[in-house]
Amino acid sequence: MSDSPTSPAQSKADHQRPEHPDFWCKRFGEGVTPWDAGKVPNALAAFVGQRSTPLNTLIPGCGSAWEAVHLADAGWPVTALDFSPVAVATAREVLGDTAVDLVCADFFTFSGSRPFELIYERAFLCALPRKLWADWGRRVAELLPSGALLAGFFFICEQPKGPPFGILPDELDALLTPNFVRIEDAAVDDSIAVFSGRERWQVWQRR
């Protein structure tokens, strides 16, 4: 038996650790989901409307999957992914008969059956503890071929306690610029309360 001390993070119960599915199962099970807008953000709707060709899309941390419904209704192939079984059950209710590939799996080990052309980001990176950010940056790069897009909403602020965990512009750049070029960056005018005034809509293209 090891005599090494246990870190505070390791001593927490699983439902207190956002890197564990039980954390999110508890919140979805209790209906405590302040990050859930219950609608499709304007910037995403505009992005979809401007594209002439559907993109094979992955939505990690899909939660209730409202955006997956919108994309699928527009004819886009969509894989909605979450590692919380309760979140997936919630998404299944929202999706109904909508043609979405809904998967309960870990983003960091999941692989699609064919290359993704878009990863949509909304309240996933900011749900991850900082110790997982570098892994996130590597994984989005691994899942997207050259020319593919990472698009969505980033919680840009200095908020070390979370979730949501805020990320500063330089920190986000450090994660993505080795493999991506930012091609869009705009303020968001329809954020829900928990993100209000601190979200940016950004599109990054894989080098």
Protein backbone atom coordinates (compact mmCIF):
# COMPACT_ATOMS: atom_id res chain seq x y z
CA MET A 1 0.00 0.00 0.00
CA SER A 2 1.31 3.43 -0.93
CA ASP A 3 2.02 5.95 1.80
CA SER A 4 1.95 8.89 -0.64
CA PRO A 5 -0.49 11.65 0.33
CA THR A 6 -3.79 12.00 -1.47
CA SER A 7 -4.30 15.28 -3.31
CA PRO A 8 -7.43 17.36 -2.58
CA ALA A 9 -8.74 16.62 -6.10
CA GLN A 10 -8.29 12.89 -5.62
CA SER A 11 -10.06 12.98 -2.25
CA LYS A 12 -13.24 14.49 -3.74
CA ALA A 13 -16.19 12.25 -4.49
CA ASP A 14 -16.81 11.55 -8.18
CA HIS A 15 -19.95 13.72 -8.24
CA GLN A 16 -17.79 16.68 -7.14
CA ARG A 17 -15.24 16.30 -9.95
CA PRO A 18 -16.23 17.78 -13.35
CA GLU A 19 -13.83 15.44 -15.14
CA HIS A 20 -16.04 12.53 -14.00
CA PRO A 21 -19.43 11.64 -15.55
CA ASP A 22 -21.08 11.42 -12.12
CA PHE A 23 -20.62 15.20 -11.71
CA TRP A 24 -22.81 15.80 -14.75
CA CYS A 25 -25.19 12.93 -14.05
CA LYS A 26 -26.01 14.56 -10.72
CA ARG A 27 -26.72 17.93 -12.33
CA PHE A 28 -28.79 16.61 -15.21
CA GLY A 29 -30.62 14.29 -12.84
CA GLU A 30 -31.53 17.21 -10.57
CA GLY A 31 -32.35 19.52 -13.50
CA VAL A 32 -29.61 21.98 -12.48
CA THR A 33 -28.30 22.97 -15.92
CA PRO A 34 -27.79 26.76 -16.03
CA TRP A 35 -25.59 26.41 -19.13
CA ASP A 36 -28.49 24.99 -21.16
CA ALA A 37 -30.01 27.74 -23.32
CA GLY A 38 -32.82 25.53 -24.60
CA LYS A 39 -32.38 27.06 -28.04
CA VAL A 40 -29.91 27.46 -30.90
CA PRO A 41 -27.55 30.45 -30.62
CA ASN A 42 -27.81 33.07 -33.36
CA ALA A 43 -24.19 32.76 -34.46
CA LEU A 44 -24.51 29.03 -35.05
CA ALA A 45 -27.76 29.46 -36.97
CA ALA A 46 -26.08 32.08 -39.17
CA PHE A 47 -23.02 29.85 -39.67
CA VAL A 48 -25.20 26.95 -40.81
CA GLY A 49 -27.29 29.20 -43.05
CA GLN A 50 -24.20 30.52 -44.82
CA ARG A 51 -22.83 27.09 -45.73
CA SER A 52 -23.78 25.66 -49.11
CA THR A 53 -22.55 22.16 -48.21
CA PRO A 54 -23.38 20.22 -45.01
CA LEU A 55 -20.42 19.35 -42.80
CA ASN A 56 -20.01 16.07 -40.94
CA THR A 57 -20.12 17.43 -37.39
CA LEU A 58 -19.07 16.27 -33.95
CA ILE A 59 -20.60 17.91 -30.86
CA PRO A 60 -18.58 16.91 -27.76
CA GLY A 61 -20.28 17.41 -24.43
CA CYS A 62 -23.58 17.72 -26.28
CA GLY A 63 -25.74 17.93 -23.15
CA SER A 64 -29.38 18.32 -24.18
CA ALA A 65 -28.37 18.45 -27.87
CA TRP A 66 -30.48 21.40 -29.04
CA GLU A 67 -27.84 22.35 -31.60
CA ALA A 68 -27.71 18.77 -32.88
CA VAL A 69 -31.41 19.00 -33.75
CA HIS A 70 -30.85 22.22 -35.69
CA LEU A 71 -27.92 20.83 -37.64
CA ALA A 72 -29.66 17.57 -38.46
CA ASP A 73 -32.81 19.40 -39.57
CA ALA A 74 -30.59 21.35 -41.98
CA GLY A 75 -29.37 18.07 -43.44
CA TRP A 76 -26.00 17.93 -41.68
CA PRO A 77 -24.62 14.59 -40.50
CA VAL A 78 -24.21 14.93 -36.72
CA THR A 79 -22.57 12.89 -33.99
CA ALA A 80 -23.61 14.14 -30.54
CA LEU A 81 -21.31 12.89 -27.80
CA ASP A 82 -21.47 12.96 -24.01
CA PHE A 83 -19.89 10.81 -21.31
CA SER A 84 -22.77 11.28 -18.89
CA PRO A 85 -25.48 8.62 -19.36
CA VAL A 86 -28.05 10.95 -17.80
CA ALA A 87 -27.13 13.74 -20.23
CA VAL A 88 -27.44 11.28 -23.11
CA ALA A 89 -30.88 10.24 -21.87
CA THR A 90 -31.90 13.91 -21.74
CA ALA A 91 -30.56 14.44 -25.26
CA ARG A 92 -32.48 11.42 -26.51
CA GLU A 93 -35.72 13.01 -25.31
CA VAL A 94 -34.89 16.31 -27.02
CA LEU A 95 -33.84 14.59 -30.25
CA GLY A 96 -36.91 12.40 -30.58
CA ASP A 97 -36.83 10.97 -34.11
CA THR A 98 -34.20 13.42 -35.36
CA ALA A 99 -31.47 11.64 -37.33
CA VAL A 100 -28.50 12.18 -35.01
CA ASP A 101 -25.86 9.64 -34.00
CA LEU A 102 -26.07 9.99 -30.21
CA VAL A 103 -23.13 8.37 -28.43
CA CYS A 104 -22.27 7.91 -24.75
CA ALA A 105 -18.46 7.98 -24.78
CA ASP A 106 -15.39 9.87 -23.61
CA PHE A 107 -14.27 12.58 -26.04
CA PHE A 108 -10.62 11.86 -25.32
CA THR A 109 -10.83 8.25 -26.52
CA PHE A 110 -13.70 8.44 -29.03
CA SER A 111 -13.07 8.12 -32.77
CA GLY A 112 -15.63 8.51 -35.54
CA SER A 113 -16.19 6.08 -38.39
CA ARG A 114 -15.25 8.76 -40.92
CA PRO A 115 -13.39 12.08 -40.67
CA PHE A 116 -15.21 15.03 -39.14
CA GLU A 117 -15.35 18.30 -41.05
CA LEU A 118 -16.50 20.35 -38.05
CA ILE A 119 -16.26 20.16 -34.29
CA TYR A 120 -18.83 22.42 -32.64
CA GLU A 121 -17.82 23.91 -29.30
CA ARG A 122 -20.36 25.10 -26.75
CA ALA A 123 -19.81 24.87 -23.00
CA PHE A 124 -17.47 21.89 -23.35
CA LEU A 125 -13.99 23.37 -23.02
CA CYS A 126 -15.16 25.60 -20.15
CA ALA A 127 -16.54 22.51 -18.39
CA LEU A 128 -13.11 20.89 -18.35
CA PRO A 129 -10.67 21.47 -15.49
CA ARG A 130 -7.50 23.23 -16.64
CA LYS A 131 -5.43 20.05 -16.28
CA LEU A 132 -7.33 18.66 -19.30
CA TRP A 133 -7.01 21.69 -21.59
CA ALA A 134 -3.81 20.55 -23.30
CA ASP A 135 -5.40 17.15 -23.93
CA TRP A 136 -8.45 18.90 -25.42
CA GLY A 137 -6.24 20.95 -27.76
CA ARG A 138 -4.44 17.82 -28.94
CA ARG A 139 -7.63 15.83 -29.37
CA VAL A 140 -9.48 18.37 -31.52
CA ALA A 141 -6.39 18.53 -33.73
CA GLU A 142 -6.28 14.73 -33.99
CA LEU A 143 -9.95 14.46 -34.91
CA LEU A 144 -9.91 17.12 -37.64
CA PRO A 145 -8.05 16.78 -40.95
CA SER A 146 -6.41 19.74 -42.68
CA GLY A 147 -8.99 22.33 -43.77
CA ALA A 148 -11.65 21.18 -41.30
CA LEU A 149 -13.19 23.60 -38.80
CA LEU A 150 -13.50 24.05 -35.05
CA ALA A 151 -16.33 26.53 -34.51
CA GLY A 152 -18.35 27.70 -31.58
CA PHE A 153 -18.43 29.69 -28.38
CA PHE A 154 -15.52 30.25 -26.03
CA PHE A 155 -15.84 31.53 -22.46
CA ILE A 156 -13.17 34.25 -22.52
CA CYS A 157 -12.44 35.59 -19.05
CA GLU A 158 -10.36 35.07 -15.95
CA GLN A 159 -12.52 32.72 -13.90
CA PRO A 160 -10.34 30.05 -12.29
CA LYS A 161 -13.13 28.42 -10.29
CA GLY A 162 -15.77 26.53 -12.16
CA PRO A 163 -17.29 25.07 -14.11
CA PRO A 164 -17.54 27.14 -16.15
CA PHE A 165 -13.78 27.72 -16.19
CA GLY A 166 -12.78 30.90 -18.00
CA ILE A 167 -9.93 30.93 -20.47
CA LEU A 168 -7.86 33.98 -21.39
CA PRO A 169 -7.19 34.83 -25.06
CA ASP A 170 -3.49 33.99 -24.82
CA GLU A 171 -4.29 30.64 -23.21
CA LEU A 172 -6.73 29.73 -25.97
CA ASP A 173 -4.23 30.79 -28.62
CA ALA A 174 -1.56 28.61 -27.00
CA LEU A 175 -3.87 25.60 -27.21
CA LEU A 176 -4.92 26.07 -30.81
CA THR A 177 -2.42 28.09 -32.87
CA PRO A 178 0.07 25.20 -33.22
CA ASN A 179 -2.53 23.39 -35.36
CA PHE A 180 -5.22 25.93 -36.26
CA VAL A 181 -5.68 29.39 -37.77
CA ARG A 182 -8.48 31.58 -36.38
CA ILE A 183 -10.62 32.85 -39.26
CA GLU A 184 -13.56 34.38 -37.35
CA ASP A 185 -13.88 36.14 -34.00
CA ALA A 186 -17.00 38.04 -32.95
CA ALA A 187 -18.84 39.20 -29.86
CA VAL A 188 -21.97 37.28 -28.83
CA ASP A 189 -25.20 39.17 -28.19
CA ASP A 190 -27.54 36.37 -27.12
CA SER A 191 -25.59 34.64 -24.36
CA ILE A 192 -27.45 33.12 -21.45
CA ALA A 193 -26.82 34.59 -18.00
CA VAL A 194 -23.93 32.36 -16.93
CA PHE A 195 -21.89 33.38 -20.01
CA SER A 196 -23.22 36.89 -20.64
CA GLY A 197 -20.62 39.41 -21.82
CA ARG A 198 -17.84 36.84 -21.73
CA GLU A 199 -18.42 34.70 -24.81
CA ARG A 200 -16.79 34.95 -28.23
CA TRP A 201 -17.93 33.19 -31.37
CA GLN A 202 -14.83 31.89 -33.11
CA VAL A 203 -14.05 29.70 -36.11
CA TRP A 204 -10.65 27.99 -36.37
CA GLN A 205 -9.40 26.13 -39.44
CA ARG A 206 -7.11 23.12 -39.16
CA ARG A 207 -3.75 23.78 -40.78
